């Protein structure tokens, strides 16, 4: 089964989010299991990101990668770590979501 470039990019984003979440849990690389999860997740994330760059322009792929990653990491930090989100943070996240939506729905530069 051949995955679409956006599906591969989503795998890269999820791997990056797992790695970033584990990075917080690693306590400055002092806890070995979260450290290994971080390293493996980032390696997978960059591998899958590199696959998407064969079909999606670098700027578009990175915009989606970073935008969706920011939203997911922020949501996890709020849910798992109890980090607070004020109104400006929520507005900013809304703008990021809007930007990713515009790229995917209206741009001719998106995924092939």
PDB file of N, CA and C in Angstrom:
ATOM      1  N   UNK A   1       0.841  -1.181   0.000  1.00  0.00           N
ATOM      2  CA  UNK A   1       0.000   0.000   0.000  1.00  0.00           C
ATOM      3  C   UNK A   1       0.889   1.247   0.000  1.00  0.00           C
ATOM      4  N   UNK A   2       0.653   2.110  -0.941  1.00  0.00           N
ATOM      5  CA  UNK A   2       1.435   3.338  -1.048  1.00  0.00           C
ATOM      6  C   UNK A   2       0.688   4.470  -0.338  1.00  0.00           C
ATOM      7  N   UNK A   3       1.367   5.112   0.595  1.00  0.00           N
ATOM      8  CA  UNK A   3       0.767   6.212   1.348  1.00  0.00           C
ATOM      9  C   UNK A   3       0.918   7.522   0.588  1.00  0.00           C
ATOM     10  N   UNK A   4      -0.046   8.407   0.792  1.00  0.00           N
ATOM     11  CA  UNK A   4       0.035   9.735   0.189  1.00  0.00           C
ATOM     12  C   UNK A   4       1.125  10.546   0.896  1.00  0.00           C
ATOM     13  N   UNK A   5       1.638  11.570   0.224  1.00  0.00           N
ATOM     14  CA  UNK A   5       2.656  12.417   0.877  1.00  0.00           C
ATOM     15  C   UNK A   5       2.154  13.039   2.179  1.00  0.00           C
ATOM     16  N   UNK A   6       0.874  13.418   2.225  1.00  0.00           N
ATOM     17  CA  UNK A   6       0.349  14.002   3.463  1.00  0.00           C
ATOM     18  C   UNK A   6       0.245  12.968   4.580  1.00  0.00           C
ATOM     19  N   UNK A   7      -0.060  11.713   4.231  1.00  0.00           N
ATOM     20  CA  UNK A   7      -0.092  10.653   5.250  1.00  0.00           C
ATOM     21  C   UNK A   7       1.304  10.413   5.809  1.00  0.00           C
ATOM     22  N   UNK A   8       2.310  10.416   4.918  1.00  0.00           N
ATOM     23  CA  UNK A   8       3.695  10.243   5.363  1.00  0.00           C
ATOM     24  C   UNK A   8       4.117  11.426   6.229  1.00  0.00           C
ATOM     25  N   UNK A   9       3.714  12.621   5.835  1.00  0.00           N
ATOM     26  CA  UNK A   9       4.022  13.811   6.640  1.00  0.00           C
ATOM     27  C   UNK A   9       3.358  13.719   8.005  1.00  0.00           C
ATOM     28  N   UNK A  10       2.129  13.211   8.061  1.00  0.00           N
ATOM     29  CA  UNK A  10       1.451  13.058   9.344  1.00  0.00           C
ATOM     30  C   UNK A  10       2.203  12.075  10.242  1.00  0.00           C
ATOM     31  N   UNK A  11       2.735  10.994   9.674  1.00  0.00           N
ATOM     32  CA  UNK A  11       3.545  10.049  10.456  1.00  0.00           C
ATOM     33  C   UNK A  11       4.776  10.772  11.014  1.00  0.00           C
ATOM     34  N   UNK A  12       5.405  11.596  10.187  1.00  0.00           N
ATOM     35  CA  UNK A  12       6.574  12.361  10.635  1.00  0.00           C
ATOM     36  C   UNK A  12       6.201  13.295  11.785  1.00  0.00           C
ATOM     37  N   UNK A  13       5.049  13.942  11.666  1.00  0.00           N
ATOM     38  CA  UNK A  13       4.608  14.882  12.706  1.00  0.00           C
ATOM     39  C   UNK A  13       4.341  14.143  14.005  1.00  0.00           C
ATOM     40  N   UNK A  14       3.648  13.009  13.930  1.00  0.00           N
ATOM     41  CA  UNK A  14       3.342  12.235  15.143  1.00  0.00           C
ATOM     42  C   UNK A  14       4.638  11.761  15.803  1.00  0.00           C
ATOM     43  N   UNK A  15       5.601  11.299  15.000  1.00  0.00           N
ATOM     44  CA  UNK A  15       6.886  10.868  15.564  1.00  0.00           C
ATOM     45  C   UNK A  15       7.591  12.033  16.260  1.00  0.00           C
ATOM     46  N   UNK A  16       7.538  13.200  15.643  1.00  0.00           N
ATOM     47  CA  UNK A  16       8.173  14.386  16.247  1.00  0.00           C
ATOM     48  C   UNK A  16       7.484  14.775  17.545  1.00  0.00           C
ATOM     49  N   UNK A  17       6.162  14.690  17.578  1.00  0.00           N
ATOM     50  CA  UNK A  17       5.410  15.025  18.787  1.00  0.00           C
ATOM     51  C   UNK A  17       5.743  14.033  19.908  1.00  0.00           C
ATOM     52  N   UNK A  18       5.838  12.760  19.564  1.00  0.00           N
ATOM     53  CA  UNK A  18       6.239  11.755  20.559  1.00  0.00           C
ATOM     54  C   UNK A  18       7.638  12.073  21.077  1.00  0.00           C
ATOM     55  N   UNK A  19       8.556  12.399  20.170  1.00  0.00           N
ATOM     56  CA  UNK A  19       9.923  12.725  20.576  1.00  0.00           C
ATOM     57  C   UNK A  19       9.999  13.945  21.469  1.00  0.00           C
ATOM     58  N   UNK A  20       9.227  14.970  21.140  1.00  0.00           N
ATOM     59  CA  UNK A  20       9.238  16.189  21.950  1.00  0.00           C
ATOM     60  C   UNK A  20       8.614  15.948  23.319  1.00  0.00           C
ATOM     61  N   UNK A  21       7.567  15.155  23.355  1.00  0.00           N
ATOM     62  CA  UNK A  21       6.949  14.808  24.642  1.00  0.00           C
ATOM     63  C   UNK A  21       7.924  14.013  25.501  1.00  0.00           C
ATOM     64  N   UNK A  22       8.613  13.058  24.885  1.00  0.00           N
ATOM     65  CA  UNK A  22       9.608  12.275  25.623  1.00  0.00           C
ATOM     66  C   UNK A  22      10.782  13.141  26.049  1.00  0.00           C
ATOM     67  N   UNK A  23      11.117  14.152  25.234  1.00  0.00           N
ATOM     68  CA  UNK A  23      12.215  15.056  25.582  1.00  0.00           C
ATOM     69  C   UNK A  23      11.944  15.743  26.916  1.00  0.00           C
ATOM     70  N   UNK A  24      10.714  16.186  27.124  1.00  0.00           N
ATOM     71  CA  UNK A  24      10.360  16.802  28.411  1.00  0.00           C
ATOM     72  C   UNK A  24      10.513  15.784  29.539  1.00  0.00           C
ATOM     73  N   UNK A  25      10.093  14.554  29.265  1.00  0.00           N
ATOM     74  CA  UNK A  25      10.166  13.503  30.286  1.00  0.00           C
ATOM     75  C   UNK A  25      11.611  13.058  30.578  1.00  0.00           C
ATOM     76  N   UNK A  26      12.543  13.372  29.657  1.00  0.00           N
ATOM     77  CA  UNK A  26      13.924  12.923  29.843  1.00  0.00           C
ATOM     78  C   UNK A  26      14.662  13.694  30.932  1.00  0.00           C
ATOM     79  N   UNK A  27      14.079  14.805  31.387  1.00  0.00           N
ATOM     80  CA  UNK A  27      14.690  15.607  32.459  1.00  0.00           C
ATOM     81  C   UNK A  27      16.137  15.964  32.129  1.00  0.00           C
ATOM     82  N   UNK A  28      16.305  16.616  30.987  1.00  0.00           N
ATOM     83  CA  UNK A  28      17.655  17.038  30.593  1.00  0.00           C
ATOM     84  C   UNK A  28      18.558  15.869  30.225  1.00  0.00           C
ATOM     85  N   UNK A  29      17.993  14.848  29.610  1.00  0.00           N
ATOM     86  CA  UNK A  29      18.715  13.640  29.186  1.00  0.00           C
ATOM     87  C   UNK A  29      19.276  12.849  30.362  1.00  0.00           C
ATOM     88  N   UNK A  30      18.636  12.945  31.518  1.00  0.00           N
ATOM     89  CA  UNK A  30      19.102  12.189  32.683  1.00  0.00           C
ATOM     90  C   UNK A  30      18.332  10.893  32.881  1.00  0.00           C
ATOM     91  N   UNK A  31      17.229  10.716  32.172  1.00  0.00           N
ATOM     92  CA  UNK A  31      16.429   9.493  32.269  1.00  0.00           C
ATOM     93  C   UNK A  31      16.579   8.712  30.965  1.00  0.00           C
ATOM     94  N   UNK A  32      17.135   7.494  31.028  1.00  0.00           N
ATOM     95  CA  UNK A  32      17.510   6.794  29.803  1.00  0.00           C
ATOM     96  C   UNK A  32      16.340   6.385  28.889  1.00  0.00           C
ATOM     97  N   UNK A  33      15.242   5.927  29.426  1.00  0.00           N
ATOM     98  CA  UNK A  33      14.153   5.465  28.552  1.00  0.00           C
ATOM     99  C   UNK A  33      13.560   6.627  27.755  1.00  0.00           C
ATOM    100  N   UNK A  34      13.201   7.747  28.383  1.00  0.00           N
ATOM    101  CA  UNK A  34      12.720   8.864  27.575  1.00  0.00           C
ATOM    102  C   UNK A  34      13.772   9.383  26.588  1.00  0.00           C
ATOM    103  N   UNK A  35      15.044   9.294  26.950  1.00  0.00           N
ATOM    104  CA  UNK A  35      16.120   9.713  26.051  1.00  0.00           C
ATOM    105  C   UNK A  35      16.129   8.843  24.788  1.00  0.00           C
ATOM    106  N   UNK A  36      16.010   7.539  24.950  1.00  0.00           N
ATOM    107  CA  UNK A  36      15.997   6.619  23.807  1.00  0.00           C
ATOM    108  C   UNK A  36      14.742   6.859  22.953  1.00  0.00           C
ATOM    109  N   UNK A  37      13.595   7.051  23.608  1.00  0.00           N
ATOM    110  CA  UNK A  37      12.357   7.333  22.875  1.00  0.00           C
ATOM    111  C   UNK A  37      12.510   8.624  22.074  1.00  0.00           C
ATOM    112  N   UNK A  38      13.115   9.638  22.674  1.00  0.00           N
ATOM    113  CA  UNK A  38      13.346  10.906  21.980  1.00  0.00           C
ATOM    114  C   UNK A  38      14.207  10.700  20.742  1.00  0.00           C
ATOM    115  N   UNK A  39      15.334  10.038  20.906  1.00  0.00           N
ATOM    116  CA  UNK A  39      16.266   9.837  19.792  1.00  0.00           C
ATOM    117  C   UNK A  39      15.621   9.031  18.663  1.00  0.00           C
ATOM    118  N   UNK A  40      14.958   7.941  19.000  1.00  0.00           N
ATOM    119  CA  UNK A  40      14.319   7.112  17.971  1.00  0.00           C
ATOM    120  C   UNK A  40      13.175   7.854  17.281  1.00  0.00           C
ATOM    121  N   UNK A  41      12.394   8.572  18.064  1.00  0.00           N
ATOM    122  CA  UNK A  41      11.267   9.308  17.488  1.00  0.00           C
ATOM    123  C   UNK A  41      11.740  10.400  16.541  1.00  0.00           C
ATOM    124  N   UNK A  42      12.769  11.133  16.934  1.00  0.00           N
ATOM    125  CA  UNK A  42      13.295  12.178  16.050  1.00  0.00           C
ATOM    126  C   UNK A  42      13.898  11.570  14.792  1.00  0.00           C
ATOM    127  N   UNK A  43      14.587  10.437  14.918  1.00  0.00           N
ATOM    128  CA  UNK A  43      15.148   9.778  13.731  1.00  0.00           C
ATOM    129  C   UNK A  43      14.025   9.380  12.768  1.00  0.00           C
ATOM    130  N   UNK A  44      12.965   8.784  13.298  1.00  0.00           N
ATOM    131  CA  UNK A  44      11.818   8.428  12.455  1.00  0.00           C
ATOM    132  C   UNK A  44      11.162   9.661  11.853  1.00  0.00           C
ATOM    133  N   UNK A  45      11.022  10.696  12.660  1.00  0.00           N
ATOM    134  CA  UNK A  45      10.381  11.921  12.183  1.00  0.00           C
ATOM    135  C   UNK A  45      11.144  12.505  11.000  1.00  0.00           C
ATOM    136  N   UNK A  46      12.449  12.596  11.105  1.00  0.00           N
ATOM    137  CA  UNK A  46      13.227  13.179  10.015  1.00  0.00           C
ATOM    138  C   UNK A  46      13.277  12.260   8.802  1.00  0.00           C
ATOM    139  N   UNK A  47      13.273  10.954   9.023  1.00  0.00           N
ATOM    140  CA  UNK A  47      13.222  10.024   7.898  1.00  0.00           C
ATOM    141  C   UNK A  47      11.923  10.228   7.111  1.00  0.00           C
ATOM    142  N   UNK A  48      10.781  10.221   7.811  1.00  0.00           N
ATOM    143  CA  UNK A  48       9.508  10.376   7.121  1.00  0.00           C
ATOM    144  C   UNK A  48       9.352  11.777   6.532  1.00  0.00           C
ATOM    145  N   UNK A  49       9.892  12.787   7.201  1.00  0.00           N
ATOM    146  CA  UNK A  49       9.870  14.130   6.621  1.00  0.00           C
ATOM    147  C   UNK A  49      10.668  14.148   5.311  1.00  0.00           C
ATOM    148  N   UNK A  50      11.804  13.477   5.298  1.00  0.00           N
ATOM    149  CA  UNK A  50      12.612  13.448   4.073  1.00  0.00           C
ATOM    150  C   UNK A  50      11.856  12.785   2.922  1.00  0.00           C
ATOM    151  N   UNK A  51      11.026  11.791   3.233  1.00  0.00           N
ATOM    152  CA  UNK A  51      10.233  11.145   2.184  1.00  0.00           C
ATOM    153  C   UNK A  51       9.187  12.104   1.608  1.00  0.00           C
ATOM    154  N   UNK A  52       8.625  12.927   2.456  1.00  0.00           N
ATOM    155  CA  UNK A  52       7.603  13.863   1.967  1.00  0.00           C
ATOM    156  C   UNK A  52       8.208  14.927   1.057  1.00  0.00           C
ATOM    157  N   UNK A  53       9.474  15.245   1.274  1.00  0.00           N
ATOM    158  CA  UNK A  53      10.107  16.302   0.487  1.00  0.00           C
ATOM    159  C   UNK A  53      10.336  15.898  -0.967  1.00  0.00           C
ATOM    160  N   UNK A  54      10.123  14.613  -1.265  1.00  0.00           N
ATOM    161  CA  UNK A  54      10.192  14.162  -2.651  1.00  0.00           C
ATOM    162  C   UNK A  54       8.956  14.613  -3.436  1.00  0.00           C
ATOM    163  N   UNK A  55       7.848  14.903  -2.725  1.00  0.00           N
ATOM    164  CA  UNK A  55       6.583  15.232  -3.390  1.00  0.00           C
ATOM    165  C   UNK A  55       5.969  16.555  -2.965  1.00  0.00           C
ATOM    166  N   UNK A  56       6.357  17.054  -1.808  1.00  0.00           N
ATOM    167  CA  UNK A  56       5.800  18.305  -1.296  1.00  0.00           C
ATOM    168  C   UNK A  56       6.936  19.319  -1.220  1.00  0.00           C
ATOM    169  N   UNK A  57       6.731  20.555  -1.695  1.00  0.00           N
ATOM    170  CA  UNK A  57       7.782  21.570  -1.585  1.00  0.00           C
ATOM    171  C   UNK A  57       8.232  21.747  -0.127  1.00  0.00           C
ATOM    172  N   UNK A  58       9.507  21.986   0.040  1.00  0.00           N
ATOM    173  CA  UNK A  58      10.094  22.071   1.382  1.00  0.00           C
ATOM    174  C   UNK A  58       9.375  23.079   2.274  1.00  0.00           C
ATOM    175  N   UNK A  59       9.119  24.274   1.774  1.00  0.00           N
ATOM    176  CA  UNK A  59       8.466  25.302   2.590  1.00  0.00           C
ATOM    177  C   UNK A  59       7.070  24.900   3.022  1.00  0.00           C
ATOM    178  N   UNK A  60       6.324  24.290   2.126  1.00  0.00           N
ATOM    179  CA  UNK A  60       4.965  23.858   2.446  1.00  0.00           C
ATOM    180  C   UNK A  60       5.002  22.709   3.457  1.00  0.00           C
ATOM    181  N   UNK A  61       5.870  21.726   3.210  1.00  0.00           N
ATOM    182  CA  UNK A  61       5.985  20.597   4.136  1.00  0.00           C
ATOM    183  C   UNK A  61       6.383  21.082   5.529  1.00  0.00           C
ATOM    184  N   UNK A  62       7.346  21.994   5.575  1.00  0.00           N
ATOM    185  CA  UNK A  62       7.807  22.480   6.880  1.00  0.00           C
ATOM    186  C   UNK A  62       6.738  23.318   7.573  1.00  0.00           C
ATOM    187  N   UNK A  63       5.992  24.086   6.814  1.00  0.00           N
ATOM    188  CA  UNK A  63       4.906  24.876   7.407  1.00  0.00           C
ATOM    189  C   UNK A  63       3.850  23.960   8.031  1.00  0.00           C
ATOM    190  N   UNK A  64       3.491  22.914   7.307  1.00  0.00           N
ATOM    191  CA  UNK A  64       2.515  21.963   7.848  1.00  0.00           C
ATOM    192  C   UNK A  64       3.103  21.230   9.042  1.00  0.00           C
ATOM    193  N   UNK A  65       4.334  20.757   8.899  1.00  0.00           N
ATOM    194  CA  UNK A  65       5.043  20.034   9.975  1.00  0.00           C
ATOM    195  C   UNK A  65       5.080  20.868  11.257  1.00  0.00           C
ATOM    196  N   UNK A  66       5.545  22.091  11.132  1.00  0.00           N
ATOM    197  CA  UNK A  66       5.692  22.920  12.328  1.00  0.00           C
ATOM    198  C   UNK A  66       4.341  23.363  12.869  1.00  0.00           C
ATOM    199  N   UNK A  67       3.416  23.727  11.988  1.00  0.00           N
ATOM    200  CA  UNK A  67       2.104  24.184  12.452  1.00  0.00           C
ATOM    201  C   UNK A  67       1.325  23.102  13.173  1.00  0.00           C
ATOM    202  N   UNK A  68       1.210  21.956  12.541  1.00  0.00           N
ATOM    203  CA  UNK A  68       0.472  20.850  13.180  1.00  0.00           C
ATOM    204  C   UNK A  68       1.211  20.386  14.420  1.00  0.00           C
ATOM    205  N   UNK A  69       2.543  20.335  14.343  1.00  0.00           N
ATOM    206  CA  UNK A  69       3.332  19.933  15.515  1.00  0.00           C
ATOM    207  C   UNK A  69       3.131  20.865  16.696  1.00  0.00           C
ATOM    208  N   UNK A  70       3.110  22.176  16.442  1.00  0.00           N
ATOM    209  CA  UNK A  70       2.889  23.155  17.514  1.00  0.00           C
ATOM    210  C   UNK A  70       1.525  22.938  18.161  1.00  0.00           C
ATOM    211  N   UNK A  71       0.520  22.757  17.338  1.00  0.00           N
ATOM    212  CA  UNK A  71      -0.839  22.562  17.870  1.00  0.00           C
ATOM    213  C   UNK A  71      -0.907  21.281  18.698  1.00  0.00           C
ATOM    214  N   UNK A  72      -0.358  20.179  18.178  1.00  0.00           N
ATOM    215  CA  UNK A  72      -0.411  18.916  18.923  1.00  0.00           C
ATOM    216  C   UNK A  72       0.397  18.969  20.215  1.00  0.00           C
ATOM    217  N   UNK A  73       1.598  19.547  20.156  1.00  0.00           N
ATOM    218  CA  UNK A  73       2.427  19.650  21.367  1.00  0.00           C
ATOM    219  C   UNK A  73       1.734  20.527  22.409  1.00  0.00           C
ATOM    220  N   UNK A  74       1.136  21.623  21.974  1.00  0.00           N
ATOM    221  CA  UNK A  74       0.436  22.506  22.896  1.00  0.00           C
ATOM    222  C   UNK A  74      -0.749  21.794  23.536  1.00  0.00           C
ATOM    223  N   UNK A  75      -1.491  21.041  22.728  1.00  0.00           N
ATOM    224  CA  UNK A  75      -2.638  20.293  23.264  1.00  0.00           C
ATOM    225  C   UNK A  75      -2.175  19.246  24.266  1.00  0.00           C
ATOM    226  N   UNK A  76      -1.097  18.533  23.961  1.00  0.00           N
ATOM    227  CA  UNK A  76      -0.579  17.538  24.900  1.00  0.00           C
ATOM    228  C   UNK A  76      -0.059  18.183  26.178  1.00  0.00           C
ATOM    229  N   UNK A  77       0.634  19.298  26.041  1.00  0.00           N
ATOM    230  CA  UNK A  77       1.145  19.993  27.233  1.00  0.00           C
ATOM    231  C   UNK A  77      -0.007  20.431  28.120  1.00  0.00           C
ATOM    232  N   UNK A  78      -1.092  20.858  27.508  1.00  0.00           N
ATOM    233  CA  UNK A  78      -2.280  21.278  28.266  1.00  0.00           C
ATOM    234  C   UNK A  78      -2.936  20.066  28.937  1.00  0.00           C
ATOM    235  N   UNK A  79      -3.111  18.984  28.181  1.00  0.00           N
ATOM    236  CA  UNK A  79      -3.794  17.800  28.715  1.00  0.00           C
ATOM    237  C   UNK A  79      -2.947  17.008  29.706  1.00  0.00           C
ATOM    238  N   UNK A  80      -1.683  16.779  29.351  1.00  0.00           N
ATOM    239  CA  UNK A  80      -0.835  15.882  30.139  1.00  0.00           C
ATOM    240  C   UNK A  80      -0.094  16.612  31.256  1.00  0.00           C
ATOM    241  N   UNK A  81       0.423  17.795  30.957  1.00  0.00           N
ATOM    242  CA  UNK A  81       1.269  18.496  31.928  1.00  0.00           C
ATOM    243  C   UNK A  81       0.548  19.648  32.625  1.00  0.00           C
ATOM    244  N   UNK A  82      -0.700  19.866  32.274  1.00  0.00           N
ATOM    245  CA  UNK A  82      -1.474  20.916  32.929  1.00  0.00           C
ATOM    246  C   UNK A  82      -1.011  22.325  32.618  1.00  0.00           C
ATOM    247  N   UNK A  83      -0.316  22.525  31.497  1.00  0.00           N
ATOM    248  CA  UNK A  83       0.132  23.864  31.151  1.00  0.00           C
ATOM    249  C   UNK A  83      -1.067  24.728  30.774  1.00  0.00           C
ATOM    250  N   UNK A  84      -1.033  25.958  31.202  1.00  0.00           N
ATOM    251  CA  UNK A  84      -2.150  26.881  30.991  1.00  0.00           C
ATOM    252  C   UNK A  84      -2.051  27.547  29.619  1.00  0.00           C
ATOM    253  N   UNK A  85      -3.217  27.783  29.025  1.00  0.00           N
ATOM    254  CA  UNK A  85      -3.298  28.495  27.752  1.00  0.00           C
ATOM    255  C   UNK A  85      -4.181  29.721  27.957  1.00  0.00           C
ATOM    256  N   UNK A  86      -3.600  30.899  27.744  1.00  0.00           N
ATOM    257  CA  UNK A  86      -4.397  32.117  27.863  1.00  0.00           C
ATOM    258  C   UNK A  86      -5.007  32.460  26.500  1.00  0.00           C
ATOM    259  N   UNK A  87      -5.794  33.518  26.464  1.00  0.00           N
ATOM    260  CA  UNK A  87      -6.484  33.897  25.237  1.00  0.00           C
ATOM    261  C   UNK A  87      -5.524  34.172  24.074  1.00  0.00           C
ATOM    262  N   UNK A  88      -4.436  34.921  24.281  1.00  0.00           N
ATOM    263  CA  UNK A  88      -3.514  35.122  23.158  1.00  0.00           C
ATOM    264  C   UNK A  88      -2.933  33.803  22.623  1.00  0.00           C
ATOM    265  N   UNK A  89      -2.655  32.857  23.509  1.00  0.00           N
ATOM    266  CA  UNK A  89      -2.149  31.554  23.063  1.00  0.00           C
ATOM    267  C   UNK A  89      -3.194  30.839  22.216  1.00  0.00           C
ATOM    268  N   UNK A  90      -4.428  30.858  22.652  1.00  0.00           N
ATOM    269  CA  UNK A  90      -5.501  30.208  21.894  1.00  0.00           C
ATOM    270  C   UNK A  90      -5.723  30.885  20.540  1.00  0.00           C
ATOM    271  N   UNK A  91      -5.643  32.200  20.518  1.00  0.00           N
ATOM    272  CA  UNK A  91      -5.785  32.929  19.240  1.00  0.00           C
ATOM    273  C   UNK A  91      -4.633  32.559  18.310  1.00  0.00           C
ATOM    274  N   UNK A  92      -3.426  32.526  18.840  1.00  0.00           N
ATOM    275  CA  UNK A  92      -2.266  32.157  18.030  1.00  0.00           C
ATOM    276  C   UNK A  92      -2.389  30.750  17.464  1.00  0.00           C
ATOM    277  N   UNK A  93      -2.840  29.820  18.277  1.00  0.00           N
ATOM    278  CA  UNK A  93      -3.041  28.448  17.804  1.00  0.00           C
ATOM    279  C   UNK A  93      -4.116  28.417  16.732  1.00  0.00           C
ATOM    280  N   UNK A  94      -5.162  29.196  16.910  1.00  0.00           N
ATOM    281  CA  UNK A  94      -6.204  29.288  15.891  1.00  0.00           C
ATOM    282  C   UNK A  94      -5.659  29.808  14.575  1.00  0.00           C
ATOM    283  N   UNK A  95      -4.771  30.790  14.639  1.00  0.00           N
ATOM    284  CA  UNK A  95      -4.152  31.324  13.422  1.00  0.00           C
ATOM    285  C   UNK A  95      -3.249  30.291  12.748  1.00  0.00           C
ATOM    286  N   UNK A  96      -2.553  29.510  13.549  1.00  0.00           N
ATOM    287  CA  UNK A  96      -1.715  28.446  12.987  1.00  0.00           C
ATOM    288  C   UNK A  96      -2.591  27.429  12.263  1.00  0.00           C
ATOM    289  N   UNK A  97      -3.670  27.021  12.899  1.00  0.00           N
ATOM    290  CA  UNK A  97      -4.594  26.065  12.270  1.00  0.00           C
ATOM    291  C   UNK A  97      -5.149  26.656  10.974  1.00  0.00           C
ATOM    292  N   UNK A  98      -5.507  27.931  11.003  1.00  0.00           N
ATOM    293  CA  UNK A  98      -6.023  28.588   9.794  1.00  0.00           C
ATOM    294  C   UNK A  98      -4.966  28.595   8.694  1.00  0.00           C
ATOM    295  N   UNK A  99      -3.737  28.862   9.043  1.00  0.00           N
ATOM    296  CA  UNK A  99      -2.668  28.874   8.052  1.00  0.00           C
ATOM    297  C   UNK A  99      -2.445  27.511   7.419  1.00  0.00           C
ATOM    298  N   UNK A 100      -2.444  26.461   8.225  1.00  0.00           N
ATOM    299  CA  UNK A 100      -2.289  25.111   7.690  1.00  0.00           C
ATOM    300  C   UNK A 100      -3.482  24.766   6.802  1.00  0.00           C
ATOM    301  N   UNK A 101      -4.675  25.156   7.216  1.00  0.00           N
ATOM    302  CA  UNK A 101      -5.868  24.899   6.404  1.00  0.00           C
ATOM    303  C   UNK A 101      -5.787  25.609   5.061  1.00  0.00           C
ATOM    304  N   UNK A 102      -5.359  26.870   5.061  1.00  0.00           N
ATOM    305  CA  UNK A 102      -5.222  27.618   3.808  1.00  0.00           C
ATOM    306  C   UNK A 102      -4.220  26.926   2.880  1.00  0.00           C
ATOM    307  N   UNK A 103      -3.088  26.498   3.433  1.00  0.00           N
ATOM    308  CA  UNK A 103      -2.091  25.797   2.622  1.00  0.00           C
ATOM    309  C   UNK A 103      -2.672  24.548   1.976  1.00  0.00           C
ATOM    310  N   UNK A 104      -3.414  23.790   2.759  1.00  0.00           N
ATOM    311  CA  UNK A 104      -3.931  22.519   2.258  1.00  0.00           C
ATOM    312  C   UNK A 104      -5.146  22.669   1.360  1.00  0.00           C
ATOM    313  N   UNK A 105      -5.980  23.642   1.623  1.00  0.00           N
ATOM    314  CA  UNK A 105      -7.228  23.764   0.875  1.00  0.00           C
ATOM    315  C   UNK A 105      -7.130  24.649  -0.364  1.00  0.00           C
ATOM    316  N   UNK A 106      -6.285  25.667  -0.312  1.00  0.00           N
ATOM    317  CA  UNK A 106      -6.295  26.665  -1.377  1.00  0.00           C
ATOM    318  C   UNK A 106      -4.993  26.807  -2.154  1.00  0.00           C
ATOM    319  N   UNK A 107      -3.878  26.388  -1.591  1.00  0.00           N
ATOM    320  CA  UNK A 107      -2.594  26.584  -2.266  1.00  0.00           C
ATOM    321  C   UNK A 107      -2.376  25.534  -3.344  1.00  0.00           C
ATOM    322  N   UNK A 108      -1.859  25.970  -4.475  1.00  0.00           N
ATOM    323  CA  UNK A 108      -1.470  25.048  -5.547  1.00  0.00           C
ATOM    324  C   UNK A 108      -0.068  24.487  -5.305  1.00  0.00           C
ATOM    325  N   UNK A 109       0.588  24.933  -4.233  1.00  0.00           N
ATOM    326  CA  UNK A 109       1.935  24.484  -3.910  1.00  0.00           C
ATOM    327  C   UNK A 109       1.949  23.238  -3.029  1.00  0.00           C
ATOM    328  N   UNK A 110       0.794  22.771  -2.643  1.00  0.00           N
ATOM    329  CA  UNK A 110       0.683  21.661  -1.690  1.00  0.00           C
ATOM    330  C   UNK A 110       1.096  20.327  -2.254  1.00  0.00           C
ATOM    331  N   UNK A 111       0.623  19.286  -1.595  1.00  0.00           N
ATOM    332  CA  UNK A 111       1.008  17.915  -1.930  1.00  0.00           C
ATOM    333  C   UNK A 111       0.530  17.523  -3.322  1.00  0.00           C
ATOM    334  N   UNK A 112       1.372  16.721  -3.967  1.00  0.00           N
ATOM    335  CA  UNK A 112       1.007  16.210  -5.308  1.00  0.00           C
ATOM    336  C   UNK A 112       0.189  14.954  -5.192  1.00  0.00           C
TER     337      UNK A 112
END
